[in-house]
Amino acid sequence: MACPSKAHTALAALREDLAGEVFAPGDVGYDGARAVFNAVIDRRPAVIARCADAADVVRAVRFGRDLDLHIAVRGGGHGVAGTALGDGALVVDLRRMRAVTVDPAAEAARVQGGATVSDLDRATTPYGLATTGARVSTVGVGGFVLGGGTGWLDRTFGPAADNLIGVELVTADGRRVRASADENPELFWALHGGGGNFGIVTAFTLELHELPEFSVALLLHLPRFGPEVVRTFREMIAAGPDELGGAVLYLSGPPAAFVPEHLVGTLLCGLLLTYAGGAQELRKLAEPALALPHEAQLLGALPYPRAQCLLDGPPGLRGHCSAEYLTGLPDPVVDLFCERAVSMPVPAHSRHMLLPQGGAVAAGPADRPVAYRTAPWAVHPYAEWADPADDERAAAWVDRARADVRPWSTGTVCLNLIGEEGPERVRAGLGVGNTLRLEKVKRRWDPDNVFRFNHNIRPV
């Protein structure tokens, strides 16, 4: 960083120039501004610039470069590795930039870089339109889209990155540029899964699709029926339309009206079916699942924004997660997945998920850095807990869940679903050939690796 007198003068100027707020250590509000979703993360940035608009982002980046600061970018703050923060870094906080503007005639939405999935869904639903969002409503659109973007609608509409049709971006040298299929096309290609390595996206343009109805079914089973539930779901996905998705997830019985009181807080095997269509059609598709023994049932139409909230959890918990993408789902994998759930630590908050792919995921463009798209299934262990004393055993459980199924792994992964697992894992997520191409794009747009708080791609 620059000498103290220069830094002091530059910080005073930033406070004066920024339309948003500036926080530095010792300021009122600094500790709140540096808190992220995962309570394991405790980092102390040098400066947090909460930007009000794209001009603020330019000012902040130029401030950071002038003082030789590395720059982290905060949208939703959900990344399990805490990449929204960096010790001694400048954090460009986009949370004031959340506007979503829908063009129903063009079936597109312009989404500011700090918007959440909830912001996006609530803006598009009145028009009967939607696009693939995360499985949690509080996730930031920015990191989600740039990392690939897997959600309940990806079998129907493809990963979020496949629905990206334009970006407005601030570069590492503080310039505002646009990227699309016709403008800066190589940069545009890199943003389809390459993460926040190339600049700060202040606005996305996303393709929307007609979604007049959305329906869900949630069936809760005793854990001993887990293998039968998974095998049934496997056959339903194989025979069903691309509009059918969902997950098998082991979870703690929620305190909901449809859950018997004696099951609240106990480990259950849940089958969540999502359907881009009406409840009557879903009920027919769900017949094989409904025939299985289950303790609780919820089935009906549900507005898509509300469906996106089903797995929302409170902030302030500690977390660790990962994923393995599989070549298939043979019975040995089914058994291992279900057995591992029984040892899930702190089940009150944790989840062990099995996610289907195929459909529009597999049919999307093969040349983009979304290397996981050919895998038909993914295992996603997600541990959350409150007590720091549980840190080691929770992380170990996630690692063991991955190790169980690694013999069937494709080696690829959606980088949205993992924390800091090393450069080889990043290359696996992007694809080895794609990584070489991405390194060249990185060199063009961020040769000094200013944006390194991410699944980092180093300049060639």
Protein backbone atom coordinates (compact mmCIF):
# COMPACT_ATOMS: atom_id res chain seq x y z
CA MET A 1 0.00 0.00 0.00
CA ALA A 2 1.08 3.63 -0.47
CA CYS A 3 2.71 5.69 2.28
CA PRO A 4 0.36 6.67 5.15
CA SER A 5 0.10 10.35 4.20
CA LYS A 6 -0.85 9.54 0.60
CA ALA A 7 -3.31 6.89 1.75
CA HIS A 8 -4.92 9.32 4.22
CA THR A 9 -5.30 12.00 1.56
CA ALA A 10 -6.70 9.54 -1.00
CA LEU A 11 -9.17 8.10 1.51
CA ALA A 12 -10.42 11.58 2.40
CA ALA A 13 -10.91 12.33 -1.30
CA LEU A 14 -12.78 9.06 -1.82
CA ARG A 15 -15.13 9.88 1.06
CA GLU A 16 -15.80 13.24 -0.57
CA ASP A 17 -16.25 11.97 -4.13
CA LEU A 18 -18.25 8.79 -3.63
CA ALA A 19 -22.03 9.06 -3.82
CA GLY A 20 -22.18 5.95 -1.64
CA GLU A 21 -20.52 5.25 1.72
CA VAL A 22 -16.92 4.53 2.66
CA PHE A 23 -15.90 2.44 5.66
CA ALA A 24 -12.41 2.02 7.10
CA PRO A 25 -11.24 0.28 10.29
CA GLY A 26 -12.50 2.21 13.28
CA ASP A 27 -15.48 3.70 11.47
CA VAL A 28 -18.99 3.20 12.80
CA GLY A 29 -20.53 0.52 10.59
CA TYR A 30 -17.23 -1.03 9.49
CA ASP A 31 -17.77 -4.36 11.26
CA GLY A 32 -21.28 -4.66 9.87
CA ALA A 33 -20.06 -3.82 6.38
CA ARG A 34 -17.43 -6.56 6.47
CA ALA A 35 -19.75 -9.34 7.69
CA VAL A 36 -20.59 -11.96 5.06
CA PHE A 37 -23.00 -14.89 5.04
CA ASN A 38 -20.44 -17.46 6.24
CA ALA A 39 -19.47 -16.64 9.83
CA VAL A 40 -16.22 -18.62 9.48
CA ILE A 41 -14.90 -15.68 7.44
CA ASP A 42 -13.37 -12.90 9.56
CA ARG A 43 -11.31 -10.58 7.36
CA ARG A 44 -10.38 -6.94 7.73
CA PRO A 45 -10.30 -4.95 4.49
CA ALA A 46 -8.38 -1.69 4.36
CA VAL A 47 -11.37 0.12 2.83
CA ILE A 48 -14.96 -0.79 1.93
CA ALA A 49 -16.52 1.38 -0.78
CA ARG A 50 -20.28 0.85 -0.88
CA CYS A 51 -20.99 2.17 -4.36
CA ALA A 52 -24.22 3.83 -5.45
CA ASP A 53 -23.70 3.57 -9.21
CA ALA A 54 -21.23 2.63 -11.94
CA ALA A 55 -19.45 5.99 -11.64
CA ASP A 56 -18.76 5.16 -7.98
CA VAL A 57 -17.28 1.82 -9.04
CA VAL A 58 -14.91 3.63 -11.41
CA ARG A 59 -13.88 6.02 -8.63
CA ALA A 60 -13.30 3.15 -6.23
CA VAL A 61 -11.21 1.12 -8.69
CA ARG A 62 -9.04 4.12 -9.51
CA PHE A 63 -8.58 4.77 -5.79
CA GLY A 64 -7.51 1.17 -5.26
CA ARG A 65 -5.07 1.20 -8.15
CA ASP A 66 -3.57 4.51 -7.02
CA LEU A 67 -2.82 2.95 -3.62
CA ASP A 68 -1.77 -0.42 -5.08
CA LEU A 69 -4.59 -2.28 -3.33
CA HIS A 70 -5.95 -5.62 -4.46
CA ILE A 71 -9.68 -5.42 -5.05
CA ALA A 72 -12.46 -7.71 -3.84
CA VAL A 73 -16.01 -7.43 -5.14
CA ARG A 74 -19.06 -7.92 -2.95
CA GLY A 75 -22.49 -8.72 -4.32
CA GLY A 76 -24.58 -11.12 -2.24
CA GLY A 77 -21.66 -12.13 -0.01
CA HIS A 78 -22.70 -15.79 -0.16
CA GLY A 79 -19.46 -17.32 -1.46
CA VAL A 80 -18.49 -19.97 1.07
CA ALA A 81 -14.79 -19.09 0.74
CA GLY A 82 -15.47 -15.44 1.65
CA THR A 83 -14.07 -14.07 -1.60
CA ALA A 84 -16.18 -10.92 -1.15
CA LEU A 85 -13.52 -9.79 1.33
CA GLY A 86 -9.73 -9.57 1.48
CA ASP A 87 -7.45 -8.66 4.36
CA GLY A 88 -5.91 -5.27 3.63
CA ALA A 89 -7.82 -5.00 0.35
CA LEU A 90 -10.32 -2.58 -1.12
CA VAL A 91 -13.82 -4.06 -1.17
CA VAL A 92 -16.10 -2.70 -3.88
CA ASP A 93 -19.50 -3.30 -2.30
CA LEU A 94 -22.33 -3.33 -4.87
CA ARG A 95 -25.25 -3.87 -2.50
CA ARG A 96 -26.77 -0.45 -3.17
CA MET A 97 -26.92 -1.29 -6.89
CA ARG A 98 -29.90 -3.68 -7.00
CA ALA A 99 -32.26 -2.34 -9.66
CA VAL A 100 -33.83 -4.79 -12.13
CA THR A 101 -35.43 -3.41 -15.31
CA VAL A 102 -37.58 -5.81 -17.33
CA ASP A 103 -38.21 -5.45 -21.06
CA PRO A 104 -41.11 -7.87 -21.58
CA ALA A 105 -41.19 -7.36 -25.36
CA ALA A 106 -37.53 -8.35 -25.69
CA GLU A 107 -37.86 -10.99 -22.93
CA ALA A 108 -34.77 -9.62 -21.25
CA ALA A 109 -33.84 -7.94 -17.98
CA ARG A 110 -31.08 -5.50 -17.09
CA VAL A 111 -29.86 -6.43 -13.62
CA GLN A 112 -27.49 -4.27 -11.59
CA GLY A 113 -24.43 -5.98 -10.16
CA GLY A 114 -25.55 -5.96 -6.53
CA ALA A 115 -29.00 -7.48 -7.08
CA THR A 116 -29.98 -10.73 -5.41
CA VAL A 117 -31.86 -13.62 -6.93
CA SER A 118 -34.91 -12.43 -5.00
CA ASP A 119 -34.66 -8.98 -6.61
CA LEU A 120 -34.52 -10.60 -10.05
CA ASP A 121 -37.38 -13.03 -9.47
CA ARG A 122 -39.75 -10.46 -7.97
CA ALA A 123 -39.17 -8.13 -10.92
CA THR A 124 -39.77 -10.71 -13.66
CA THR A 125 -42.68 -12.72 -12.19
CA PRO A 126 -45.39 -10.06 -12.82
CA TYR A 127 -44.68 -10.47 -16.55
CA GLY A 128 -44.92 -14.27 -16.46
CA LEU A 129 -41.18 -14.42 -17.18
CA ALA A 130 -38.19 -15.95 -15.41
CA THR A 131 -34.63 -17.11 -15.87
CA THR A 132 -32.47 -19.61 -14.01
CA GLY A 133 -31.74 -18.45 -10.47
CA ALA A 134 -29.96 -19.99 -7.52
CA ARG A 135 -31.64 -22.37 -5.07
CA VAL A 136 -31.42 -19.70 -2.37
CA SER A 137 -33.07 -16.30 -2.85
CA THR A 138 -30.43 -14.22 -1.04
CA VAL A 139 -27.57 -15.23 -3.37
CA GLY A 140 -26.12 -12.39 -5.43
CA VAL A 141 -26.91 -12.52 -9.14
CA GLY A 142 -23.38 -11.40 -10.08
CA GLY A 143 -21.29 -14.20 -8.65
CA PHE A 144 -24.00 -16.72 -9.46
CA VAL A 145 -24.16 -15.90 -13.17
CA LEU A 146 -20.41 -15.45 -13.63
CA GLY A 147 -19.70 -18.80 -11.95
CA GLY A 148 -22.04 -20.78 -14.23
CA GLY A 149 -25.26 -20.71 -12.25
CA THR A 150 -27.10 -23.92 -11.38
CA GLY A 151 -30.67 -23.77 -10.05
CA TRP A 152 -34.16 -25.26 -10.15
CA LEU A 153 -34.75 -24.11 -13.72
CA ASP A 154 -31.44 -25.11 -15.31
CA ARG A 155 -32.85 -28.32 -16.87
CA THR A 156 -35.50 -26.14 -18.52
CA PHE A 157 -33.63 -22.93 -19.42
CA GLY A 158 -29.96 -23.89 -19.00
CA PRO A 159 -27.42 -22.62 -16.47
CA ALA A 160 -27.58 -18.91 -15.70
CA ALA A 161 -24.45 -18.25 -17.77
CA ASP A 162 -26.23 -19.61 -20.86
CA ASN A 163 -28.79 -16.84 -20.40
CA LEU A 164 -26.24 -14.01 -20.28
CA ILE A 165 -26.61 -11.75 -23.34
CA GLY A 166 -24.70 -8.62 -22.31
CA VAL A 167 -22.62 -7.01 -19.58
CA GLU A 168 -21.49 -3.56 -18.48
CA LEU A 169 -18.13 -3.82 -16.77
CA VAL A 170 -15.49 -1.69 -15.04
CA THR A 171 -11.99 -2.88 -15.90
CA ALA A 172 -8.90 -3.13 -13.71
CA ASP A 173 -7.70 0.25 -15.03
CA GLY A 174 -10.99 1.95 -14.24
CA ARG A 175 -12.62 2.03 -17.67
CA ARG A 176 -16.27 1.28 -18.42
CA VAL A 177 -16.75 -1.22 -21.25
CA ARG A 178 -19.51 -3.38 -22.65
CA ALA A 179 -19.33 -6.98 -23.77
CA SER A 180 -21.73 -9.00 -25.86
CA ALA A 181 -21.64 -11.40 -28.79
CA ASP A 182 -20.77 -8.42 -31.02
CA GLU A 183 -18.71 -6.23 -28.67
CA ASN A 184 -15.55 -7.53 -26.95
CA PRO A 185 -16.68 -11.08 -27.82
CA GLU A 186 -13.70 -12.85 -26.24
CA LEU A 187 -14.30 -11.10 -22.93
CA PHE A 188 -17.98 -11.95 -23.25
CA TRP A 189 -17.11 -15.61 -23.77
CA ALA A 190 -14.92 -15.58 -20.64
CA LEU A 191 -17.74 -14.19 -18.51
CA HIS A 192 -19.83 -17.32 -19.22
CA GLY A 193 -18.35 -19.23 -16.27
CA GLY A 194 -14.95 -17.56 -15.76
CA GLY A 195 -16.07 -15.71 -12.64
CA GLY A 196 -15.09 -12.25 -11.48
CA ASN A 197 -11.57 -12.44 -12.86
CA PHE A 198 -11.88 -9.82 -15.57
CA GLY A 199 -13.52 -6.79 -13.99
CA ILE A 200 -16.50 -5.63 -11.98
CA VAL A 201 -19.81 -6.21 -13.73
CA THR A 202 -22.07 -3.29 -12.85
CA ALA A 203 -25.00 -4.61 -14.92
CA PHE A 204 -26.02 -7.84 -16.63
CA THR A 205 -28.54 -8.33 -19.41
CA LEU A 206 -30.20 -11.72 -19.01
CA GLU A 207 -32.50 -13.60 -21.34
CA LEU A 208 -35.94 -14.31 -19.88
CA HIS A 209 -38.36 -17.13 -20.67
CA GLU A 210 -42.09 -17.59 -20.32
CA LEU A 211 -42.99 -19.15 -16.97
CA PRO A 212 -46.71 -18.59 -16.31
CA GLU A 213 -46.85 -21.33 -13.66
CA PHE A 214 -44.44 -23.05 -11.29
CA SER A 215 -45.23 -25.96 -8.99
CA VAL A 216 -43.45 -27.92 -6.28
CA ALA A 217 -43.90 -31.13 -4.34
CA LEU A 218 -42.05 -31.81 -1.10
CA LEU A 219 -42.28 -35.30 0.36
CA LEU A 220 -40.60 -36.14 3.67
CA HIS A 221 -39.57 -39.74 4.34
CA LEU A 222 -37.94 -41.57 7.21
CA PRO A 223 -34.21 -41.98 6.46
CA ARG A 224 -34.44 -45.76 6.03
CA PHE A 225 -36.44 -45.22 2.84
CA GLY A 226 -33.71 -43.01 1.36
CA PRO A 227 -32.28 -45.49 -1.18
CA GLU A 228 -35.75 -46.25 -2.55
CA VAL A 229 -36.53 -42.54 -2.77
CA VAL A 230 -33.33 -41.85 -4.71
CA ARG A 231 -33.86 -44.74 -7.13
CA THR A 232 -37.42 -43.58 -7.78
CA PHE A 233 -36.25 -40.02 -8.40
CA ARG A 234 -33.57 -41.33 -10.74
CA GLU A 235 -36.20 -43.06 -12.88
CA MET A 236 -38.54 -40.06 -12.79
CA ILE A 237 -35.82 -37.75 -14.11
CA ALA A 238 -34.83 -40.24 -16.82
CA ALA A 239 -38.43 -40.56 -18.04
CA GLY A 240 -39.67 -37.05 -17.31
CA PRO A 241 -39.61 -33.81 -19.31
CA ASP A 242 -36.91 -31.16 -19.03
CA GLU A 243 -39.39 -29.02 -17.05
CA LEU A 244 -39.09 -31.49 -14.14
CA GLY A 245 -36.26 -30.95 -11.67
CA GLY A 246 -35.61 -30.86 -7.95
CA ALA A 247 -33.40 -32.73 -5.50
CA VAL A 248 -33.17 -35.44 -2.93
CA LEU A 249 -31.99 -33.73 0.22
CA TYR A 250 -31.44 -34.98 3.73
CA LEU A 251 -32.44 -32.31 6.19
CA SER A 252 -33.81 -31.66 9.63
CA GLY A 253 -37.60 -31.72 9.80
CA PRO A 254 -38.70 -28.07 9.50
CA PRO A 255 -41.19 -26.48 11.92
CA ALA A 256 -43.86 -26.18 9.22
CA ALA A 257 -47.59 -26.77 9.46
CA PHE A 258 -47.50 -29.83 7.18
CA VAL A 259 -44.76 -31.57 9.24
CA PRO A 260 -45.90 -33.73 12.19
CA GLU A 261 -44.66 -32.26 15.45
CA HIS A 262 -42.72 -35.38 16.45
CA LEU A 263 -40.62 -35.15 13.27
CA VAL A 264 -39.58 -31.52 13.70
CA GLY A 265 -35.83 -31.42 14.28
CA THR A 266 -35.24 -35.05 13.29
CA LEU A 267 -33.25 -36.23 10.30
CA LEU A 268 -35.46 -36.87 7.26
CA CYS A 269 -35.00 -37.72 3.60
CA GLY A 270 -36.76 -35.13 1.52
CA LEU A 271 -37.77 -35.39 -2.12
CA LEU A 272 -38.28 -31.96 -3.62
CA LEU A 273 -39.82 -31.93 -7.10
CA THR A 274 -39.89 -28.69 -9.06
CA TYR A 275 -41.89 -28.23 -12.23
CA ALA A 276 -42.04 -25.40 -14.74
CA GLY A 277 -45.77 -25.85 -15.19
CA GLY A 278 -49.06 -26.49 -13.40
CA ALA A 279 -49.76 -28.49 -10.26
CA GLN A 280 -52.03 -31.02 -11.98
CA GLU A 281 -49.28 -31.96 -14.41
CA LEU A 282 -46.79 -32.22 -11.56
CA ARG A 283 -49.12 -34.46 -9.57
CA LYS A 284 -49.27 -36.89 -12.48
CA LEU A 285 -45.47 -36.83 -12.90
CA ALA A 286 -45.07 -37.34 -9.14
CA GLU A 287 -47.20 -40.50 -8.96
CA PRO A 288 -44.21 -42.87 -8.51
CA ALA A 289 -42.94 -40.74 -5.62
CA LEU A 290 -46.37 -40.35 -4.04
CA ALA A 291 -46.67 -44.15 -3.96
CA LEU A 292 -43.68 -44.41 -1.62
CA PRO A 293 -44.17 -44.35 2.17
CA HIS A 294 -43.86 -40.76 3.37
CA GLU A 295 -44.55 -38.89 6.58
CA ALA A 296 -45.49 -35.49 5.17
CA GLN A 297 -46.55 -34.06 1.82
CA LEU A 298 -46.83 -30.62 0.26
CA LEU A 299 -47.84 -30.34 -3.40
CA GLY A 300 -49.22 -27.43 -5.36
CA ALA A 301 -48.60 -24.33 -7.42
CA LEU A 302 -46.14 -21.91 -5.84
CA PRO A 303 -44.95 -18.58 -7.26
CA TYR A 304 -41.39 -19.00 -8.43
CA PRO A 305 -40.00 -16.28 -6.09
CA ARG A 306 -41.48 -18.15 -3.10
CA ALA A 307 -40.12 -21.48 -4.33
CA GLN A 308 -36.68 -19.89 -4.43
CA CYS A 309 -36.97 -19.19 -0.69
CA LEU A 310 -37.66 -22.80 0.37
CA LEU A 311 -34.03 -23.47 1.32
CA ASP A 312 -33.17 -19.99 2.61
CA GLY A 313 -31.27 -20.07 5.88
CA PRO A 314 -30.33 -17.39 8.38
CA PRO A 315 -27.06 -15.45 8.00
CA GLY A 316 -24.42 -15.68 10.68
CA LEU A 317 -23.96 -19.47 10.66
CA ARG A 318 -20.64 -21.12 9.91
CA GLY A 319 -20.47 -23.05 6.65
CA HIS A 320 -18.51 -25.40 4.42
CA CYS A 321 -19.64 -27.12 1.22
CA SER A 322 -18.40 -28.81 -1.92
CA ALA A 323 -19.67 -30.92 -4.81
CA GLU A 324 -18.83 -33.84 -7.06
CA TYR A 325 -20.30 -34.19 -10.54
CA LEU A 326 -20.95 -37.79 -11.51
CA THR A 327 -20.78 -39.94 -14.62
CA GLY A 328 -24.02 -41.62 -13.55
CA LEU A 329 -26.05 -42.73 -10.54
CA PRO A 330 -25.60 -46.50 -10.11
CA ASP A 331 -26.94 -48.22 -7.02
CA PRO A 332 -23.58 -48.19 -5.15
CA VAL A 333 -23.57 -44.38 -5.38
CA VAL A 334 -27.16 -44.27 -4.18
CA ASP A 335 -26.26 -46.34 -1.12
CA LEU A 336 -23.14 -44.33 -0.30
CA PHE A 337 -25.00 -41.04 -0.63
CA CYS A 338 -27.71 -42.19 1.77
CA GLU A 339 -25.30 -43.75 4.26
CA ARG A 340 -23.26 -40.57 4.52
CA ALA A 341 -26.35 -38.54 5.38
CA VAL A 342 -26.80 -40.46 8.62
CA SER A 343 -23.57 -38.95 9.99
CA MET A 344 -24.43 -35.41 8.87
CA PRO A 345 -23.14 -33.02 11.54
CA VAL A 346 -25.52 -30.53 13.12
CA PRO A 347 -28.46 -31.59 10.93
CA ALA A 348 -30.52 -28.66 12.22
CA HIS A 349 -28.82 -26.52 9.57
CA SER A 350 -26.93 -28.86 7.22
CA ARG A 351 -28.13 -30.50 4.00
CA HIS A 352 -26.92 -33.39 1.86
CA MET A 353 -28.20 -32.92 -1.69
CA LEU A 354 -28.41 -34.94 -4.88
CA LEU A 355 -29.10 -32.78 -7.92
CA PRO A 356 -30.12 -33.85 -11.44
CA GLN A 357 -28.75 -32.26 -14.59
CA GLY A 358 -29.41 -33.13 -18.24
CA GLY A 359 -32.00 -31.31 -20.32
CA ALA A 360 -30.98 -27.79 -21.27
CA VAL A 361 -27.82 -28.05 -19.14
CA ALA A 362 -26.38 -30.76 -21.37
CA ALA A 363 -27.76 -29.20 -24.56
CA GLY A 364 -26.05 -25.83 -24.06
CA PRO A 365 -22.99 -24.50 -25.93
CA ALA A 366 -20.11 -26.92 -25.45
CA ASP A 367 -17.36 -24.32 -25.97
CA ARG A 368 -18.06 -22.23 -22.86
CA PRO A 369 -16.20 -22.58 -19.54
CA VAL A 370 -19.06 -24.58 -17.99
CA ALA A 371 -17.23 -27.88 -17.94
CA TYR A 372 -19.69 -29.66 -15.65
CA ARG A 373 -22.62 -29.54 -18.08
CA THR A 374 -22.18 -33.10 -19.39
CA ALA A 375 -22.51 -34.73 -15.95
CA PRO A 376 -26.01 -36.15 -15.35
CA TRP A 377 -25.93 -35.88 -11.54
CA ALA A 378 -24.19 -33.93 -8.77
CA VAL A 379 -23.71 -34.61 -5.06
CA HIS A 380 -23.64 -31.43 -2.97
CA PRO A 381 -22.87 -31.79 0.76
CA TYR A 382 -23.51 -28.52 2.60
CA ALA A 383 -22.68 -28.23 6.30
CA GLU A 384 -23.84 -25.27 8.40
CA TRP A 385 -23.38 -24.90 12.13
CA ALA A 386 -23.24 -22.29 14.90
CA ASP A 387 -20.52 -23.48 17.29
CA PRO A 388 -16.84 -22.97 16.27
CA ALA A 389 -16.09 -26.19 18.15
CA ASP A 390 -17.82 -28.04 15.29
CA ASP A 391 -15.58 -26.57 12.57
CA GLU A 392 -13.31 -29.57 12.14
CA ARG A 393 -15.93 -32.31 12.14
CA ALA A 394 -18.27 -30.40 9.83
CA ALA A 395 -15.55 -29.80 7.25
CA ALA A 396 -14.42 -33.43 7.55
CA TRP A 397 -17.95 -34.66 6.87
CA VAL A 398 -18.12 -32.65 3.63
CA ASP A 399 -14.76 -34.04 2.55
CA ARG A 400 -15.84 -37.62 3.30
CA ALA A 401 -19.07 -37.15 1.36
CA ARG A 402 -17.02 -36.13 -1.67
CA ALA A 403 -14.58 -38.98 -1.20
CA ASP A 404 -17.43 -41.52 -1.12
CA VAL A 405 -18.43 -40.79 -4.71
CA ARG A 406 -15.13 -39.72 -6.21
CA PRO A 407 -14.67 -43.05 -8.09
CA TRP A 408 -17.70 -42.02 -10.19
CA SER A 409 -16.70 -38.36 -10.56
CA THR A 410 -16.31 -36.69 -13.96
CA GLY A 411 -13.64 -34.47 -12.37
CA THR A 412 -15.59 -31.35 -13.30
CA VAL A 413 -17.46 -29.08 -10.89
CA CYS A 414 -19.63 -25.98 -10.78
CA LEU A 415 -17.40 -23.43 -9.09
CA ASN A 416 -20.45 -21.77 -7.48
CA LEU A 417 -20.78 -24.79 -5.19
CA ILE A 418 -17.27 -25.02 -3.76
CA GLY A 419 -14.92 -23.02 -1.57
CA GLU A 420 -11.17 -22.63 -1.87
CA GLU A 421 -9.96 -26.05 -3.08
CA GLY A 422 -6.82 -25.10 -5.00
CA PRO A 423 -5.87 -24.25 -8.60
CA GLU A 424 -6.30 -27.79 -9.93
CA ARG A 425 -9.91 -27.77 -8.82
CA VAL A 426 -10.43 -24.40 -10.53
CA ARG A 427 -9.02 -25.82 -13.78
CA ALA A 428 -11.34 -28.81 -13.42
CA GLY A 429 -14.29 -26.45 -13.04
CA LEU A 430 -13.38 -24.40 -16.08
CA GLY A 431 -12.01 -27.18 -18.28
CA VAL A 432 -8.30 -27.50 -19.04
CA GLY A 433 -8.56 -26.22 -22.61
CA ASN A 434 -10.81 -23.36 -21.52
CA THR A 435 -8.34 -22.42 -18.79
CA LEU A 436 -5.59 -21.72 -21.33
CA ARG A 437 -7.91 -19.47 -23.29
CA LEU A 438 -9.15 -17.75 -20.11
CA GLU A 439 -5.57 -17.02 -19.03
CA LYS A 440 -5.09 -15.06 -22.24
CA VAL A 441 -8.28 -13.09 -21.61
CA LYS A 442 -7.10 -12.42 -18.07
CA ARG A 443 -3.81 -11.07 -19.37
CA ARG A 444 -5.68 -8.75 -21.73
CA TRP A 445 -8.08 -7.34 -19.13
CA ASP A 446 -6.33 -7.77 -15.75
CA PRO A 447 -2.60 -8.35 -16.33
CA ASP A 448 -1.72 -7.43 -12.72
CA ASN A 449 -4.29 -9.85 -11.25
CA VAL A 450 -5.97 -7.01 -9.36
CA PHE A 451 -9.14 -9.13 -9.15
CA ARG A 452 -7.74 -12.16 -7.36
CA PHE A 453 -10.33 -12.74 -4.63
CA ASN A 454 -12.21 -15.40 -6.59
CA HIS A 455 -11.61 -18.79 -8.17
CA ASN A 456 -8.55 -17.16 -9.60
CA ILE A 457 -7.28 -17.37 -13.15
CA ARG A 458 -3.73 -16.10 -13.35
CA PRO A 459 -2.55 -14.09 -16.36
CA VAL A 460 -0.47 -16.13 -18.81
